[in-house]
PDB file of all heavy atoms in Angstrom:
ATOM      1  N   PHE A   1     -10.385  -3.629 -11.900  1.00  0.00           N
ATOM      2  CA  PHE A   1      -9.813  -2.351 -11.429  1.00  0.00           C
ATOM      3  C   PHE A   1     -11.042  -1.484 -10.972  1.00  0.00           C
ATOM      4  O   PHE A   1     -11.964  -1.197 -11.765  1.00  0.00           O
ATOM      5  CB  PHE A   1      -9.095  -1.680 -12.526  1.00  0.00           C
ATOM      6  CG  PHE A   1      -7.875  -2.392 -12.815  1.00  0.00           C
ATOM      7  CD1 PHE A   1      -7.730  -3.105 -13.949  1.00  0.00           C
ATOM      8  CD2 PHE A   1      -6.647  -2.399 -11.999  1.00  0.00           C
ATOM      9  CE1 PHE A   1      -6.556  -3.880 -14.234  1.00  0.00           C
ATOM     10  CE2 PHE A   1      -5.484  -2.972 -12.302  1.00  0.00           C
ATOM     11  CZ  PHE A   1      -5.431  -3.879 -13.444  1.00  0.00           C
ATOM     12  N   HIS A   2     -10.975  -0.864  -9.739  1.00  0.00           N
ATOM     13  CA  HIS A   2     -11.997  -0.007  -9.272  1.00  0.00           C
ATOM     14  C   HIS A   2     -11.225   1.253  -8.840  1.00  0.00           C
ATOM     15  O   HIS A   2     -10.218   1.292  -8.093  1.00  0.00           O
ATOM     16  CB  HIS A   2     -12.689  -0.668  -7.986  1.00  0.00           C
ATOM     17  CG  HIS A   2     -13.256  -2.009  -8.372  1.00  0.00           C
ATOM     18  ND1 HIS A   2     -14.518  -2.283  -9.022  1.00  0.00           N
ATOM     19  CD2 HIS A   2     -12.737  -3.155  -8.179  1.00  0.00           C
ATOM     20  CE1 HIS A   2     -14.678  -3.527  -9.145  1.00  0.00           C
ATOM     21  NE2 HIS A   2     -13.600  -4.092  -8.611  1.00  0.00           N
ATOM     22  N   PHE A   3     -11.746   2.433  -9.151  1.00  0.00           N
ATOM     23  CA  PHE A   3     -11.027   3.639  -8.973  1.00  0.00           C
ATOM     24  C   PHE A   3     -11.708   4.448  -7.912  1.00  0.00           C
ATOM     25  O   PHE A   3     -12.878   4.701  -7.957  1.00  0.00           O
ATOM     26  CB  PHE A   3     -10.983   4.415 -10.336  1.00  0.00           C
ATOM     27  CG  PHE A   3     -10.312   3.794 -11.492  1.00  0.00           C
ATOM     28  CD1 PHE A   3     -11.074   2.708 -12.154  1.00  0.00           C
ATOM     29  CD2 PHE A   3      -8.944   4.018 -11.813  1.00  0.00           C
ATOM     30  CE1 PHE A   3     -10.368   2.002 -13.207  1.00  0.00           C
ATOM     31  CE2 PHE A   3      -8.329   3.269 -12.821  1.00  0.00           C
ATOM     32  CZ  PHE A   3      -8.982   2.241 -13.488  1.00  0.00           C
ATOM     33  N   VAL A   4     -10.933   4.755  -6.948  1.00  0.00           N
ATOM     34  CA  VAL A   4     -11.567   5.333  -5.622  1.00  0.00           C
ATOM     35  C   VAL A   4     -10.759   6.402  -5.264  1.00  0.00           C
ATOM     36  O   VAL A   4      -9.500   6.617  -5.252  1.00  0.00           O
ATOM     37  CB  VAL A   4     -11.462   4.191  -4.585  1.00  0.00           C
ATOM     38  CG1 VAL A   4     -12.416   3.014  -4.892  1.00  0.00           C
ATOM     39  CG2 VAL A   4     -10.128   3.743  -4.330  1.00  0.00           C
ATOM     40  N   ASP A   5     -11.529   7.488  -4.747  1.00  0.00           N
ATOM     41  CA  ASP A   5     -11.048   8.641  -4.211  1.00  0.00           C
ATOM     42  C   ASP A   5     -11.308   8.837  -2.708  1.00  0.00           C
ATOM     43  O   ASP A   5     -12.352   9.196  -2.291  1.00  0.00           O
ATOM     44  CB  ASP A   5     -11.621   9.893  -4.847  1.00  0.00           C
ATOM     45  CG  ASP A   5     -10.966  11.229  -4.507  1.00  0.00           C
ATOM     46  OD1 ASP A   5     -10.047  11.242  -3.748  1.00  0.00           O
ATOM     47  OD2 ASP A   5     -11.575  12.282  -4.785  1.00  0.00           O
ATOM     48  N   ALA A   6     -10.358   8.296  -1.887  1.00  0.00           N
ATOM     49  CA  ALA A   6     -10.579   8.173  -0.501  1.00  0.00           C
ATOM     50  C   ALA A   6      -9.178   8.077   0.239  1.00  0.00           C
ATOM     51  O   ALA A   6      -8.220   7.737  -0.471  1.00  0.00           O
ATOM     52  CB  ALA A   6     -11.447   6.907  -0.093  1.00  0.00           C
ATOM     53  N   PRO A   7      -9.183   8.421   1.536  1.00  0.00           N
ATOM     54  CA  PRO A   7      -7.783   8.247   2.292  1.00  0.00           C
ATOM     55  C   PRO A   7      -7.504   6.757   2.426  1.00  0.00           C
ATOM     56  O   PRO A   7      -8.389   5.900   2.305  1.00  0.00           O
ATOM     57  CB  PRO A   7      -8.208   8.958   3.587  1.00  0.00           C
ATOM     58  CG  PRO A   7      -9.640   8.853   3.737  1.00  0.00           C
ATOM     59  CD  PRO A   7     -10.240   8.896   2.338  1.00  0.00           C
ATOM     60  N   PRO A   8      -6.329   6.465   2.862  1.00  0.00           N
ATOM     61  CA  PRO A   8      -5.787   5.003   2.900  1.00  0.00           C
ATOM     62  C   PRO A   8      -6.695   4.221   3.765  1.00  0.00           C
ATOM     63  O   PRO A   8      -7.068   3.131   3.429  1.00  0.00           O
ATOM     64  CB  PRO A   8      -4.464   5.259   3.524  1.00  0.00           C
ATOM     65  CG  PRO A   8      -3.882   6.590   2.996  1.00  0.00           C
ATOM     66  CD  PRO A   8      -5.119   7.420   3.050  1.00  0.00           C
ATOM     67  N   ARG A   9      -7.062   4.671   4.924  1.00  0.00           N
ATOM     68  CA  ARG A   9      -7.861   3.774   5.780  1.00  0.00           C
ATOM     69  C   ARG A   9      -9.165   3.348   5.264  1.00  0.00           C
ATOM     70  O   ARG A   9      -9.644   2.183   5.329  1.00  0.00           O
ATOM     71  CB  ARG A   9      -8.018   4.554   7.233  1.00  0.00           C
ATOM     72  CG  ARG A   9      -8.598   3.428   8.372  1.00  0.00           C
ATOM     73  CD  ARG A   9      -8.550   4.241   9.572  1.00  0.00           C
ATOM     74  NE  ARG A   9      -7.286   4.612  10.045  1.00  0.00           N
ATOM     75  CZ  ARG A   9      -6.401   3.825  10.689  1.00  0.00           C
ATOM     76  NH1 ARG A   9      -6.684   2.543  10.937  1.00  0.00           N
ATOM     77  NH2 ARG A   9      -5.189   4.278  11.105  1.00  0.00           N
ATOM     78  N   GLU A  10      -9.813   4.259   4.499  1.00  0.00           N
ATOM     79  CA  GLU A  10     -11.155   4.019   3.942  1.00  0.00           C
ATOM     80  C   GLU A  10     -10.862   2.999   2.700  1.00  0.00           C
ATOM     81  O   GLU A  10     -11.695   2.171   2.412  1.00  0.00           O
ATOM     82  CB  GLU A  10     -11.800   5.239   3.465  1.00  0.00           C
ATOM     83  CG  GLU A  10     -13.125   5.028   2.706  1.00  0.00           C
ATOM     84  CD  GLU A  10     -14.176   4.407   3.482  1.00  0.00           C
ATOM     85  OE1 GLU A  10     -14.097   4.291   4.746  1.00  0.00           O
ATOM     86  OE2 GLU A  10     -15.204   3.898   2.938  1.00  0.00           O
ATOM     87  N   VAL A  11      -9.865   3.318   1.896  1.00  0.00           N
ATOM     88  CA  VAL A  11      -9.521   2.397   0.704  1.00  0.00           C
ATOM     89  C   VAL A  11      -9.247   0.973   1.278  1.00  0.00           C
ATOM     90  O   VAL A  11      -9.694  -0.065   0.642  1.00  0.00           O
ATOM     91  CB  VAL A  11      -8.469   3.028  -0.063  1.00  0.00           C
ATOM     92  CG1 VAL A  11      -8.096   1.933  -1.314  1.00  0.00           C
ATOM     93  CG2 VAL A  11      -8.749   4.297  -0.645  1.00  0.00           C
ATOM     94  N   LEU A  12      -8.509   0.924   2.316  1.00  0.00           N
ATOM     95  CA  LEU A  12      -8.132  -0.375   2.905  1.00  0.00           C
ATOM     96  C   LEU A  12      -9.463  -1.096   3.421  1.00  0.00           C
ATOM     97  O   LEU A  12      -9.622  -2.335   3.156  1.00  0.00           O
ATOM     98  CB  LEU A  12      -7.260  -0.242   4.094  1.00  0.00           C
ATOM     99  CG  LEU A  12      -6.851  -1.511   4.804  1.00  0.00           C
ATOM    100  CD1 LEU A  12      -6.136  -2.547   3.863  1.00  0.00           C
ATOM    101  CD2 LEU A  12      -6.009  -1.235   6.035  1.00  0.00           C
ATOM    102  N   ARG A  13     -10.436  -0.404   3.953  1.00  0.00           N
ATOM    103  CA  ARG A  13     -11.639  -1.017   4.324  1.00  0.00           C
ATOM    104  C   ARG A  13     -12.370  -1.553   3.116  1.00  0.00           C
ATOM    105  O   ARG A  13     -12.966  -2.704   3.126  1.00  0.00           O
ATOM    106  CB  ARG A  13     -12.591  -0.037   5.019  1.00  0.00           C
ATOM    107  CG  ARG A  13     -13.907  -0.472   5.653  1.00  0.00           C
ATOM    108  CD  ARG A  13     -14.893   0.454   5.984  1.00  0.00           C
ATOM    109  NE  ARG A  13     -15.205   1.313   4.875  1.00  0.00           N
ATOM    110  CZ  ARG A  13     -16.131   0.985   3.953  1.00  0.00           C
ATOM    111  NH1 ARG A  13     -16.697  -0.180   3.968  1.00  0.00           N
ATOM    112  NH2 ARG A  13     -16.390   1.743   2.909  1.00  0.00           N
ATOM    113  N   MET A  14     -12.450  -0.887   1.984  1.00  0.00           N
ATOM    114  CA  MET A  14     -13.093  -1.371   0.856  1.00  0.00           C
ATOM    115  C   MET A  14     -12.384  -2.596   0.276  1.00  0.00           C
ATOM    116  O   MET A  14     -13.093  -3.578  -0.089  1.00  0.00           O
ATOM    117  CB  MET A  14     -13.161  -0.284  -0.229  1.00  0.00           C
ATOM    118  CG  MET A  14     -13.950   0.889  -0.057  1.00  0.00           C
ATOM    119  SD  MET A  14     -13.880   2.028  -1.524  1.00  0.00           S
ATOM    120  CE  MET A  14     -13.260   3.438  -0.758  1.00  0.00           C
ATOM    121  N   ALA A  15     -11.104  -2.653   0.329  1.00  0.00           N
ATOM    122  CA  ALA A  15     -10.393  -3.778  -0.209  1.00  0.00           C
ATOM    123  C   ALA A  15     -10.606  -4.931   0.679  1.00  0.00           C
ATOM    124  O   ALA A  15     -10.780  -6.113   0.227  1.00  0.00           O
ATOM    125  CB  ALA A  15      -8.912  -3.344  -0.229  1.00  0.00           C
ATOM    126  N   GLN A  16     -10.612  -4.810   2.053  1.00  0.00           N
ATOM    127  CA  GLN A  16     -10.960  -5.877   2.925  1.00  0.00           C
ATOM    128  C   GLN A  16     -12.368  -6.475   2.735  1.00  0.00           C
ATOM    129  O   GLN A  16     -12.406  -7.703   2.759  1.00  0.00           O
ATOM    130  CB  GLN A  16     -10.810  -5.401   4.363  1.00  0.00           C
ATOM    131  CG  GLN A  16      -9.325  -5.158   4.828  1.00  0.00           C
ATOM    132  CD  GLN A  16      -9.174  -4.469   6.065  1.00  0.00           C
ATOM    133  OE1 GLN A  16     -10.069  -3.673   6.553  1.00  0.00           O
ATOM    134  NE2 GLN A  16      -8.099  -4.570   6.746  1.00  0.00           N
ATOM    135  N   GLU A  17     -13.303  -5.653   2.388  1.00  0.00           N
ATOM    136  CA  GLU A  17     -14.634  -6.165   2.123  1.00  0.00           C
ATOM    137  C   GLU A  17     -14.623  -6.962   0.852  1.00  0.00           C
ATOM    138  O   GLU A  17     -15.317  -7.987   0.823  1.00  0.00           O
ATOM    139  CB  GLU A  17     -15.598  -5.019   1.994  1.00  0.00           C
ATOM    140  CG  GLU A  17     -15.853  -4.330   3.309  1.00  0.00           C
ATOM    141  CD  GLU A  17     -16.917  -3.189   3.122  1.00  0.00           C
ATOM    142  OE1 GLU A  17     -17.332  -2.906   2.021  1.00  0.00           O
ATOM    143  OE2 GLU A  17     -17.330  -2.564   4.154  1.00  0.00           O
ATOM    144  N   ALA A  18     -13.793  -6.616  -0.104  1.00  0.00           N
ATOM    145  CA  ALA A  18     -13.736  -7.370  -1.400  1.00  0.00           C
ATOM    146  C   ALA A  18     -12.924  -8.622  -1.343  1.00  0.00           C
ATOM    147  O   ALA A  18     -12.967  -9.505  -2.190  1.00  0.00           O
ATOM    148  CB  ALA A  18     -13.239  -6.489  -2.501  1.00  0.00           C
ATOM    149  N   ALA A  19     -12.024  -8.809  -0.293  1.00  0.00           N
ATOM    150  CA  ALA A  19     -11.010  -9.865  -0.297  1.00  0.00           C
ATOM    151  C   ALA A  19     -11.546 -11.078   0.337  1.00  0.00           C
ATOM    152  O   ALA A  19     -10.721 -12.117   0.363  1.00  0.00           O
ATOM    153  CB  ALA A  19      -9.807  -9.303   0.509  1.00  0.00           C
ATOM    154  N   ASN A  20     -12.740 -11.094   0.898  1.00  0.00           N
ATOM    155  CA  ASN A  20     -13.232 -12.443   1.447  1.00  0.00           C
ATOM    156  C   ASN A  20     -12.401 -13.083   2.398  1.00  0.00           C
ATOM    157  O   ASN A  20     -12.090 -14.218   2.461  1.00  0.00           O
ATOM    158  CB  ASN A  20     -13.571 -13.410   0.222  1.00  0.00           C
ATOM    159  CG  ASN A  20     -14.685 -12.903  -0.614  1.00  0.00           C
ATOM    160  OD1 ASN A  20     -15.645 -12.427  -0.215  1.00  0.00           O
ATOM    161  ND2 ASN A  20     -14.323 -13.136  -1.978  1.00  0.00           N
ATOM    162  N   GLY A  21     -11.860 -12.206   3.271  1.00  0.00           N
ATOM    163  CA  GLY A  21     -11.038 -12.749   4.468  1.00  0.00           C
ATOM    164  C   GLY A  21      -9.671 -13.041   4.167  1.00  0.00           C
ATOM    165  O   GLY A  21      -8.803 -13.362   5.109  1.00  0.00           O
ATOM    166  N   HIS A  22      -9.103 -12.736   2.881  1.00  0.00           N
ATOM    167  CA  HIS A  22      -7.773 -12.998   2.515  1.00  0.00           C
ATOM    168  C   HIS A  22      -6.997 -11.617   2.786  1.00  0.00           C
ATOM    169  O   HIS A  22      -7.596 -10.599   3.097  1.00  0.00           O
ATOM    170  CB  HIS A  22      -7.738 -13.318   1.087  1.00  0.00           C
ATOM    171  CG  HIS A  22      -8.189 -14.721   0.829  1.00  0.00           C
ATOM    172  ND1 HIS A  22      -7.699 -15.837   1.267  1.00  0.00           N
ATOM    173  CD2 HIS A  22      -9.285 -14.962   0.094  1.00  0.00           C
ATOM    174  CE1 HIS A  22      -8.417 -16.862   0.858  1.00  0.00           C
ATOM    175  NE2 HIS A  22      -9.391 -16.406   0.052  1.00  0.00           N
ATOM    176  N   ASP A  23      -5.660 -11.644   2.689  1.00  0.00           N
ATOM    177  CA  ASP A  23      -4.750 -10.415   2.916  1.00  0.00           C
ATOM    178  C   ASP A  23      -4.979  -9.451   1.778  1.00  0.00           C
ATOM    179  O   ASP A  23      -5.369  -9.776   0.691  1.00  0.00           O
ATOM    180  CB  ASP A  23      -3.367 -10.809   2.993  1.00  0.00           C
ATOM    181  CG  ASP A  23      -3.071 -11.644   4.291  1.00  0.00           C
ATOM    182  OD1 ASP A  23      -4.031 -11.712   5.198  1.00  0.00           O
ATOM    183  OD2 ASP A  23      -1.920 -12.071   4.478  1.00  0.00           O
ATOM    184  N   ILE A  24      -4.594  -8.139   2.080  1.00  0.00           N
ATOM    185  CA  ILE A  24      -4.534  -7.157   1.148  1.00  0.00           C
ATOM    186  C   ILE A  24      -3.122  -6.824   0.783  1.00  0.00           C
ATOM    187  O   ILE A  24      -2.149  -6.733   1.665  1.00  0.00           O
ATOM    188  CB  ILE A  24      -5.185  -5.823   1.678  1.00  0.00           C
ATOM    189  CG1 ILE A  24      -6.522  -6.147   2.305  1.00  0.00           C
ATOM    190  CG2 ILE A  24      -5.196  -4.769   0.687  1.00  0.00           C
ATOM    191  CD1 ILE A  24      -7.552  -6.666   1.241  1.00  0.00           C
ATOM    192  N   ARG A  25      -2.741  -6.667  -0.424  1.00  0.00           N
ATOM    193  CA  ARG A  25      -1.529  -6.275  -0.950  1.00  0.00           C
ATOM    194  C   ARG A  25      -1.554  -4.743  -1.389  1.00  0.00           C
ATOM    195  O   ARG A  25      -2.331  -4.332  -2.056  1.00  0.00           O
ATOM    196  CB  ARG A  25      -0.972  -7.100  -2.097  1.00  0.00           C
ATOM    197  CG  ARG A  25       0.400  -6.770  -2.613  1.00  0.00           C
ATOM    198  CD  ARG A  25       0.945  -7.802  -3.764  1.00  0.00           C
ATOM    199  NE  ARG A  25      -0.076  -7.889  -4.840  1.00  0.00           N
ATOM    200  CZ  ARG A  25      -0.791  -8.941  -5.329  1.00  0.00           C
ATOM    201  NH1 ARG A  25      -0.629 -10.082  -4.721  1.00  0.00           N
ATOM    202  NH2 ARG A  25      -1.651  -8.800  -6.351  1.00  0.00           N
ATOM    203  N   ILE A  26      -0.517  -4.026  -0.877  1.00  0.00           N
ATOM    204  CA  ILE A  26      -0.312  -2.600  -1.294  1.00  0.00           C
ATOM    205  C   ILE A  26       0.739  -2.688  -2.349  1.00  0.00           C
ATOM    206  O   ILE A  26       1.930  -3.053  -2.137  1.00  0.00           O
ATOM    207  CB  ILE A  26       0.218  -1.713  -0.167  1.00  0.00           C
ATOM    208  CG1 ILE A  26      -0.726  -1.802   1.081  1.00  0.00           C
ATOM    209  CG2 ILE A  26       0.232  -0.234  -0.629  1.00  0.00           C
ATOM    210  CD1 ILE A  26      -2.197  -1.447   0.838  1.00  0.00           C
ATOM    211  N   GLY A  27       0.344  -2.492  -3.614  1.00  0.00           N
ATOM    212  CA  GLY A  27       1.098  -2.783  -4.725  1.00  0.00           C
ATOM    213  C   GLY A  27       2.168  -1.737  -5.210  1.00  0.00           C
ATOM    214  O   GLY A  27       2.944  -1.972  -6.004  1.00  0.00           O
ATOM    215  N   GLY A  28       1.955  -0.410  -4.542  1.00  0.00           N
ATOM    216  CA  GLY A  28       2.844   0.651  -5.017  1.00  0.00           C
ATOM    217  C   GLY A  28       2.157   1.682  -5.724  1.00  0.00           C
ATOM    218  O   GLY A  28       0.897   1.581  -5.848  1.00  0.00           O
ATOM    219  N   GLY A  29       2.899   2.602  -6.270  1.00  0.00           N
ATOM    220  CA  GLY A  29       4.230   2.747  -6.175  1.00  0.00           C
ATOM    221  C   GLY A  29       4.675   3.335  -4.787  1.00  0.00           C
ATOM    222  O   GLY A  29       3.877   3.299  -3.873  1.00  0.00           O
ATOM    223  N   PRO A  30       5.960   3.786  -4.695  1.00  0.00           N
ATOM    224  CA  PRO A  30       6.439   4.270  -3.338  1.00  0.00           C
ATOM    225  C   PRO A  30       5.658   5.347  -2.628  1.00  0.00           C
ATOM    226  O   PRO A  30       5.505   5.378  -1.360  1.00  0.00           O
ATOM    227  CB  PRO A  30       7.899   4.668  -3.607  1.00  0.00           C
ATOM    228  CG  PRO A  30       7.928   5.028  -5.157  1.00  0.00           C
ATOM    229  CD  PRO A  30       6.820   3.961  -5.725  1.00  0.00           C
ATOM    230  N   SER A  31       5.054   6.330  -3.398  1.00  0.00           N
ATOM    231  CA  SER A  31       4.226   7.239  -2.773  1.00  0.00           C
ATOM    232  C   SER A  31       3.006   6.745  -2.046  1.00  0.00           C
ATOM    233  O   SER A  31       2.567   7.168  -1.005  1.00  0.00           O
ATOM    234  CB  SER A  31       3.832   8.392  -3.757  1.00  0.00           C
ATOM    235  OG  SER A  31       4.847   9.011  -4.343  1.00  0.00           O
ATOM    236  N   THR A  32       2.369   5.630  -2.696  1.00  0.00           N
ATOM    237  CA  THR A  32       1.198   5.028  -2.113  1.00  0.00           C
ATOM    238  C   THR A  32       1.705   4.175  -0.912  1.00  0.00           C
ATOM    239  O   THR A  32       1.028   4.191   0.195  1.00  0.00           O
ATOM    240  CB  THR A  32       0.638   4.161  -3.248  1.00  0.00           C
ATOM    241  OG1 THR A  32       0.090   4.974  -4.181  1.00  0.00           O
ATOM    242  CG2 THR A  32      -0.678   3.439  -2.597  1.00  0.00           C
ATOM    243  N   VAL A  33       2.782   3.448  -1.071  1.00  0.00           N
ATOM    244  CA  VAL A  33       3.247   2.591   0.080  1.00  0.00           C
ATOM    245  C   VAL A  33       3.582   3.555   1.275  1.00  0.00           C
ATOM    246  O   VAL A  33       3.304   3.314   2.387  1.00  0.00           O
ATOM    247  CB  VAL A  33       4.619   2.009  -0.438  1.00  0.00           C
ATOM    248  CG1 VAL A  33       5.262   1.423   0.974  1.00  0.00           C
ATOM    249  CG2 VAL A  33       4.148   0.762  -1.393  1.00  0.00           C
ATOM    250  N   ARG A  34       4.189   4.744   0.940  1.00  0.00           N
ATOM    251  CA  ARG A  34       4.531   5.721   2.057  1.00  0.00           C
ATOM    252  C   ARG A  34       3.273   6.252   2.821  1.00  0.00           C
ATOM    253  O   ARG A  34       3.304   6.336   3.999  1.00  0.00           O
ATOM    254  CB  ARG A  34       5.228   6.928   1.439  1.00  0.00           C
ATOM    255  CG  ARG A  34       6.138   7.692   2.421  1.00  0.00           C
ATOM    256  CD  ARG A  34       7.004   8.609   1.784  1.00  0.00           C
ATOM    257  NE  ARG A  34       6.406   9.434   0.836  1.00  0.00           N
ATOM    258  CZ  ARG A  34       6.855   9.649  -0.468  1.00  0.00           C
ATOM    259  NH1 ARG A  34       7.785   8.859  -0.968  1.00  0.00           N
ATOM    260  NH2 ARG A  34       6.190  10.409  -1.271  1.00  0.00           N
ATOM    261  N   GLN A  35       2.122   6.323   2.088  1.00  0.00           N
ATOM    262  CA  GLN A  35       0.839   6.850   2.666  1.00  0.00           C
ATOM    263  C   GLN A  35       0.409   5.805   3.687  1.00  0.00           C
ATOM    264  O   GLN A  35      -0.025   6.139   4.874  1.00  0.00           O
ATOM    265  CB  GLN A  35      -0.082   7.022   1.650  1.00  0.00           C
ATOM    266  CG  GLN A  35      -0.042   8.327   0.745  1.00  0.00           C
ATOM    267  CD  GLN A  35      -1.189   8.368  -0.178  1.00  0.00           C
ATOM    268  OE1 GLN A  35      -2.351   8.520   0.180  1.00  0.00           O
ATOM    269  NE2 GLN A  35      -0.879   8.379  -1.452  1.00  0.00           N
ATOM    270  N   PHE A  36       0.483   4.505   3.343  1.00  0.00           N
ATOM    271  CA  PHE A  36       0.044   3.433   4.214  1.00  0.00           C
ATOM    272  C   PHE A  36       0.970   3.292   5.358  1.00  0.00           C
ATOM    273  O   PHE A  36       0.507   3.017   6.494  1.00  0.00           O
ATOM    274  CB  PHE A  36      -0.274   2.223   3.455  1.00  0.00           C
ATOM    275  CG  PHE A  36      -1.443   2.214   2.647  1.00  0.00           C
ATOM    276  CD1 PHE A  36      -1.557   2.807   1.350  1.00  0.00           C
ATOM    277  CD2 PHE A  36      -2.634   1.664   3.165  1.00  0.00           C
ATOM    278  CE1 PHE A  36      -2.787   2.852   0.678  1.00  0.00           C
ATOM    279  CE2 PHE A  36      -3.869   1.671   2.513  1.00  0.00           C
ATOM    280  CZ  PHE A  36      -3.956   2.262   1.231  1.00  0.00           C
ATOM    281  N   LEU A  37       2.255   3.431   5.143  1.00  0.00           N
ATOM    282  CA  LEU A  37       3.175   3.429   6.319  1.00  0.00           C
ATOM    283  C   LEU A  37       2.986   4.461   7.363  1.00  0.00           C
ATOM    284  O   LEU A  37       2.971   4.357   8.544  1.00  0.00           O
ATOM    285  CB  LEU A  37       4.544   3.402   5.816  1.00  0.00           C
ATOM    286  CG  LEU A  37       5.070   2.086   5.129  1.00  0.00           C
ATOM    287  CD1 LEU A  37       6.435   2.359   4.402  1.00  0.00           C
ATOM    288  CD2 LEU A  37       5.249   0.952   6.210  1.00  0.00           C
ATOM    289  N   GLN A  38       2.711   5.818   6.763  1.00  0.00           N
ATOM    290  CA  GLN A  38       2.425   6.852   7.665  1.00  0.00           C
ATOM    291  C   GLN A  38       1.218   6.663   8.434  1.00  0.00           C
ATOM    292  O   GLN A  38       1.078   7.153   9.567  1.00  0.00           O
ATOM    293  CB  GLN A  38       2.369   8.175   6.698  1.00  0.00           C
ATOM    294  CG  GLN A  38       3.687   8.611   6.144  1.00  0.00           C
ATOM    295  CD  GLN A  38       3.609   9.745   5.107  1.00  0.00           C
ATOM    296  OE1 GLN A  38       2.607   9.910   4.460  1.00  0.00           O
ATOM    297  NE2 GLN A  38       4.588  10.488   5.004  1.00  0.00           N
ATOM    298  N   ALA A  39       0.200   6.064   7.840  1.00  0.00           N
ATOM    299  CA  ALA A  39      -1.082   5.744   8.548  1.00  0.00           C
ATOM    300  C   ALA A  39      -0.949   4.610   9.473  1.00  0.00           C
ATOM    301  O   ALA A  39      -1.991   4.180  10.131  1.00  0.00           O
ATOM    302  CB  ALA A  39      -2.176   5.714   7.588  1.00  0.00           C
ATOM    303  N   ASP A  40       0.206   4.004   9.540  1.00  0.00           N
ATOM    304  CA  ASP A  40       0.460   2.712  10.473  1.00  0.00           C
ATOM    305  C   ASP A  40      -0.463   1.641   9.978  1.00  0.00           C
ATOM    306  O   ASP A  40      -1.046   0.925  10.909  1.00  0.00           O
ATOM    307  CB  ASP A  40       0.234   3.089  11.871  1.00  0.00           C
ATOM    308  CG  ASP A  40       0.871   2.030  12.818  1.00  0.00           C
ATOM    309  OD1 ASP A  40       1.756   1.356  12.333  1.00  0.00           O
ATOM    310  OD2 ASP A  40       0.516   2.091  14.052  1.00  0.00           O
ATOM    311  N   LEU A  41      -0.671   1.335   8.785  1.00  0.00           N
ATOM    312  CA  LEU A  41      -1.580   0.256   8.273  1.00  0.00           C
ATOM    313  C   LEU A  41      -0.869  -0.847   7.552  1.00  0.00           C
ATOM    314  O   LEU A  41      -1.581  -1.829   7.220  1.00  0.00           O
ATOM    315  CB  LEU A  41      -2.528   0.904   7.188  1.00  0.00           C
ATOM    316  CG  LEU A  41      -3.443   2.009   7.606  1.00  0.00           C
ATOM    317  CD1 LEU A  41      -4.167   2.655   6.446  1.00  0.00           C
ATOM    318  CD2 LEU A  41      -4.521   1.540   8.720  1.00  0.00           C
ATOM    319  N   ILE A  42       0.513  -0.955   7.676  1.00  0.00           N
ATOM    320  CA  ILE A  42       1.105  -2.095   7.152  1.00  0.00           C
ATOM    321  C   ILE A  42       1.564  -3.113   8.186  1.00  0.00           C
ATOM    322  O   ILE A  42       2.107  -2.677   9.214  1.00  0.00           O
ATOM    323  CB  ILE A  42       2.419  -1.546   6.369  1.00  0.00           C
ATOM    324  CG1 ILE A  42       2.077  -0.576   5.321  1.00  0.00           C
ATOM    325  CG2 ILE A  42       3.235  -2.696   5.857  1.00  0.00           C
ATOM    326  CD1 ILE A  42       1.083  -1.222   4.136  1.00  0.00           C
ATOM    327  N   ASP A  43       1.180  -4.424   7.901  1.00  0.00           N
ATOM    328  CA  ASP A  43       1.671  -5.439   8.760  1.00  0.00           C
ATOM    329  C   ASP A  43       2.936  -6.187   8.384  1.00  0.00           C
ATOM    330  O   ASP A  43       3.610  -6.716   9.249  1.00  0.00           O
ATOM    331  CB  ASP A  43       0.502  -6.542   8.798  1.00  0.00           C
ATOM    332  CG  ASP A  43      -0.855  -5.893   9.251  1.00  0.00           C
ATOM    333  OD1 ASP A  43      -0.857  -5.295  10.494  1.00  0.00           O
ATOM    334  OD2 ASP A  43      -1.776  -5.917   8.618  1.00  0.00           O
TER     335      ASP A  43
END
């Protein structure tokens, strides 16, 4: 677990770097999911 204070796009970049080419899961809760949907980052 890594605790980060950053906007969704920057947190996603950190997660992608750690994921070694695999997908990223947005685990929730709904407020967090909503932030990533608002930023148009969900595939």
